Amino acid sequence: MYRRIRDLREDRDLTQKELAAILSCSQQVYSNYELGQRDIPTDVLIKLSSFYNVSTDYILEVSDNPVINR
């Protein structure tokens, strides 16, 4: 999952600092998410899913399909 959130960020050409600002956290906290040194809280997971328009299952690597099934 940590590699996936990094890949999603890099695909959008965003820095960790820019994404941290979107998530209302520090760059260091976000860096820890990408490194797997800190668990991603549910509210942040939902924000990431919404921002990238992918399912939480995709971020969590439960599915390789990024499409949100509604």
N, C-alpha and C. Protein backbone atom coordinates (compact mmCIF):
# COMPACT_ATOMS: atom_id res chain seq x y z
N MET A 1 0.83 -1.19 0.00
CA MET A 1 0.00 0.00 0.00
C MET A 1 0.87 1.25 0.00
N TYR A 2 2.00 1.19 0.65
CA TYR A 2 2.84 2.38 0.76
C TYR A 2 3.44 2.75 -0.59
N ARG A 3 3.84 1.74 -1.33
CA ARG A 3 4.36 1.98 -2.68
C ARG A 3 3.25 2.56 -3.58
N ARG A 4 2.04 2.06 -3.38
CA ARG A 4 0.93 2.51 -4.22
C ARG A 4 0.62 3.99 -3.99
N ILE A 5 0.63 4.45 -2.75
CA ILE A 5 0.33 5.87 -2.52
C ILE A 5 1.46 6.75 -3.07
N ARG A 6 2.68 6.25 -3.02
CA ARG A 6 3.79 7.00 -3.62
C ARG A 6 3.63 7.07 -5.14
N ASP A 7 3.29 5.93 -5.74
CA ASP A 7 3.10 5.91 -7.20
C ASP A 7 1.96 6.83 -7.63
N LEU A 8 0.86 6.82 -6.89
CA LEU A 8 -0.26 7.71 -7.21
C LEU A 8 0.17 9.17 -7.14
N ARG A 9 0.93 9.51 -6.11
CA ARG A 9 1.41 10.89 -5.95
C ARG A 9 2.34 11.27 -7.09
N GLU A 10 3.28 10.39 -7.40
CA GLU A 10 4.24 10.69 -8.46
C GLU A 10 3.58 10.77 -9.83
N ASP A 11 2.55 9.95 -10.05
CA ASP A 11 1.81 10.01 -11.32
C ASP A 11 1.16 11.37 -11.54
N ARG A 12 0.85 12.06 -10.44
CA ARG A 12 0.24 13.40 -10.53
C ARG A 12 1.28 14.51 -10.44
N ASP A 13 2.56 14.11 -10.41
CA ASP A 13 3.67 15.07 -10.31
C ASP A 13 3.54 15.99 -9.10
N LEU A 14 3.16 15.38 -7.98
CA LEU A 14 3.04 16.13 -6.73
C LEU A 14 4.21 15.80 -5.81
N THR A 15 4.63 16.78 -5.04
CA THR A 15 5.64 16.53 -4.02
C THR A 15 4.94 16.04 -2.75
N GLN A 16 5.72 15.47 -1.86
CA GLN A 16 5.14 15.07 -0.57
C GLN A 16 4.60 16.29 0.16
N LYS A 17 5.29 17.39 0.06
CA LYS A 17 4.85 18.62 0.74
C LYS A 17 3.51 19.09 0.20
N GLU A 18 3.33 19.03 -1.12
CA GLU A 18 2.06 19.46 -1.72
C GLU A 18 0.92 18.56 -1.28
N LEU A 19 1.15 17.25 -1.28
CA LEU A 19 0.09 16.33 -0.87
C LEU A 19 -0.19 16.45 0.62
N ALA A 20 0.85 16.66 1.40
CA ALA A 20 0.65 16.85 2.83
C ALA A 20 -0.25 18.06 3.10
N ALA A 21 -0.06 19.12 2.33
CA ALA A 21 -0.91 20.31 2.49
C ALA A 21 -2.36 19.98 2.16
N ILE A 22 -2.57 19.18 1.13
CA ILE A 22 -3.93 18.77 0.75
C ILE A 22 -4.57 17.95 1.86
N LEU A 23 -3.75 17.12 2.52
CA LEU A 23 -4.26 16.25 3.59
C LEU A 23 -4.24 16.92 4.96
N SER A 24 -3.77 18.14 5.02
CA SER A 24 -3.66 18.89 6.29
C SER A 24 -2.77 18.18 7.31
N CYS A 25 -1.61 17.74 6.84
CA CYS A 25 -0.62 17.15 7.74
C CYS A 25 0.75 17.67 7.33
N SER A 26 1.75 17.35 8.08
CA SER A 26 3.10 17.79 7.74
C SER A 26 3.71 16.88 6.67
N GLN A 27 4.74 17.39 6.02
CA GLN A 27 5.45 16.58 5.02
C GLN A 27 6.06 15.36 5.69
N GLN A 28 6.56 15.51 6.91
CA GLN A 28 7.17 14.38 7.62
C GLN A 28 6.15 13.29 7.91
N VAL A 29 4.96 13.67 8.34
CA VAL A 29 3.90 12.69 8.60
C VAL A 29 3.56 11.95 7.31
N TYR A 30 3.40 12.71 6.22
CA TYR A 30 3.07 12.05 4.96
C TYR A 30 4.20 11.14 4.51
N SER A 31 5.43 11.57 4.67
CA SER A 31 6.58 10.75 4.31
C SER A 31 6.54 9.43 5.09
N ASN A 32 6.18 9.51 6.35
CA ASN A 32 6.08 8.29 7.17
C ASN A 32 5.00 7.36 6.66
N TYR A 33 3.91 7.90 6.10
CA TYR A 33 2.89 7.05 5.48
C TYR A 33 3.50 6.28 4.31
N GLU A 34 4.21 6.99 3.43
CA GLU A 34 4.79 6.36 2.25
C GLU A 34 5.86 5.33 2.61
N LEU A 35 6.56 5.57 3.68
CA LEU A 35 7.62 4.64 4.10
C LEU A 35 7.09 3.48 4.93
N GLY A 36 5.81 3.53 5.27
CA GLY A 36 5.22 2.48 6.08
C GLY A 36 5.63 2.55 7.55
N GLN A 37 6.12 3.71 7.96
CA GLN A 37 6.54 3.90 9.34
C GLN A 37 5.41 4.40 10.23
N ARG A 38 4.31 4.71 9.59
CA ARG A 38 3.13 5.20 10.32
C ARG A 38 1.90 4.68 9.62
N ASP A 39 0.96 4.14 10.38
CA ASP A 39 -0.29 3.67 9.79
C ASP A 39 -1.09 4.85 9.26
N ILE A 40 -1.76 4.61 8.14
CA ILE A 40 -2.59 5.65 7.54
C ILE A 40 -3.96 5.62 8.21
N PRO A 41 -4.34 6.71 8.88
CA PRO A 41 -5.66 6.74 9.52
C PRO A 41 -6.78 6.63 8.48
N THR A 42 -7.90 6.11 8.92
CA THR A 42 -9.04 5.90 8.02
C THR A 42 -9.45 7.18 7.32
N ASP A 43 -9.50 8.30 8.04
CA ASP A 43 -9.92 9.55 7.41
C ASP A 43 -8.94 9.99 6.32
N VAL A 44 -7.66 9.74 6.50
CA VAL A 44 -6.66 10.07 5.49
C VAL A 44 -6.80 9.13 4.30
N LEU A 45 -7.04 7.87 4.57
CA LEU A 45 -7.26 6.89 3.49
C LEU A 45 -8.44 7.32 2.62
N ILE A 46 -9.51 7.76 3.25
CA ILE A 46 -10.69 8.21 2.51
C ILE A 46 -10.37 9.46 1.70
N LYS A 47 -9.61 10.40 2.28
CA LYS A 47 -9.22 11.61 1.55
C LYS A 47 -8.36 11.25 0.34
N LEU A 48 -7.42 10.33 0.51
CA LEU A 48 -6.58 9.90 -0.61
C LEU A 48 -7.42 9.26 -1.71
N SER A 49 -8.34 8.41 -1.31
CA SER A 49 -9.21 7.74 -2.27
C SER A 49 -10.02 8.77 -3.05
N SER A 50 -10.57 9.73 -2.37
CA SER A 50 -11.37 10.77 -3.02
C SER A 50 -10.50 11.65 -3.92
N PHE A 51 -9.35 12.05 -3.43
CA PHE A 51 -8.46 12.93 -4.19
C PHE A 51 -8.01 12.26 -5.50
N TYR A 52 -7.62 11.00 -5.41
CA TYR A 52 -7.13 10.28 -6.59
C TYR A 52 -8.26 9.63 -7.40
N ASN A 53 -9.46 9.66 -6.86
CA ASN A 53 -10.62 9.05 -7.51
C ASN A 53 -10.38 7.55 -7.77
N VAL A 54 -9.89 6.89 -6.74
CA VAL A 54 -9.69 5.44 -6.78
C VAL A 54 -10.35 4.85 -5.54
N SER A 55 -10.57 3.56 -5.57
CA SER A 55 -11.19 2.90 -4.42
C SER A 55 -10.18 2.75 -3.28
N THR A 56 -10.69 2.67 -2.07
CA THR A 56 -9.81 2.39 -0.93
C THR A 56 -9.19 1.00 -1.08
N ASP A 57 -9.93 0.07 -1.67
CA ASP A 57 -9.39 -1.27 -1.91
C ASP A 57 -8.16 -1.20 -2.80
N TYR A 58 -8.16 -0.30 -3.76
CA TYR A 58 -7.01 -0.14 -4.64
C TYR A 58 -5.81 0.37 -3.84
N ILE A 59 -6.02 1.37 -3.02
CA ILE A 59 -4.93 1.91 -2.20
C ILE A 59 -4.40 0.85 -1.25
N LEU A 60 -5.30 0.07 -0.66
CA LEU A 60 -4.92 -0.97 0.29
C LEU A 60 -4.38 -2.23 -0.37
N GLU A 61 -4.36 -2.25 -1.70
CA GLU A 61 -3.88 -3.38 -2.50
C GLU A 61 -4.72 -4.63 -2.32
N VAL A 62 -5.99 -4.43 -2.00
CA VAL A 62 -6.95 -5.53 -1.96
C VAL A 62 -7.36 -5.85 -3.39
N SER A 63 -7.31 -4.82 -4.23
CA SER A 63 -7.70 -4.95 -5.64
C SER A 63 -6.66 -4.20 -6.49
N ASP A 64 -6.47 -4.70 -7.71
CA ASP A 64 -5.62 -4.00 -8.67
C ASP A 64 -6.44 -3.12 -9.60
N ASN A 65 -7.74 -3.10 -9.37
CA ASN A 65 -8.64 -2.29 -10.17
C ASN A 65 -8.91 -0.97 -9.44
N PRO A 66 -8.44 0.15 -10.00
CA PRO A 66 -8.62 1.41 -9.31
C PRO A 66 -10.03 1.99 -9.37
N VAL A 67 -10.90 1.41 -10.19
CA VAL A 67 -12.23 1.94 -10.38
C VAL A 67 -13.08 1.78 -9.13
N ILE A 68 -13.78 2.85 -8.80
CA ILE A 68 -14.67 2.83 -7.65
C ILE A 68 -15.99 2.19 -8.09
N ASN A 69 -16.39 1.13 -7.43
CA ASN A 69 -17.67 0.46 -7.73
C ASN A 69 -18.73 1.03 -6.81
N ARG A 70 -19.69 1.72 -7.40
CA ARG A 70 -20.76 2.32 -6.57
C ARG A 70 -22.07 1.72 -6.96
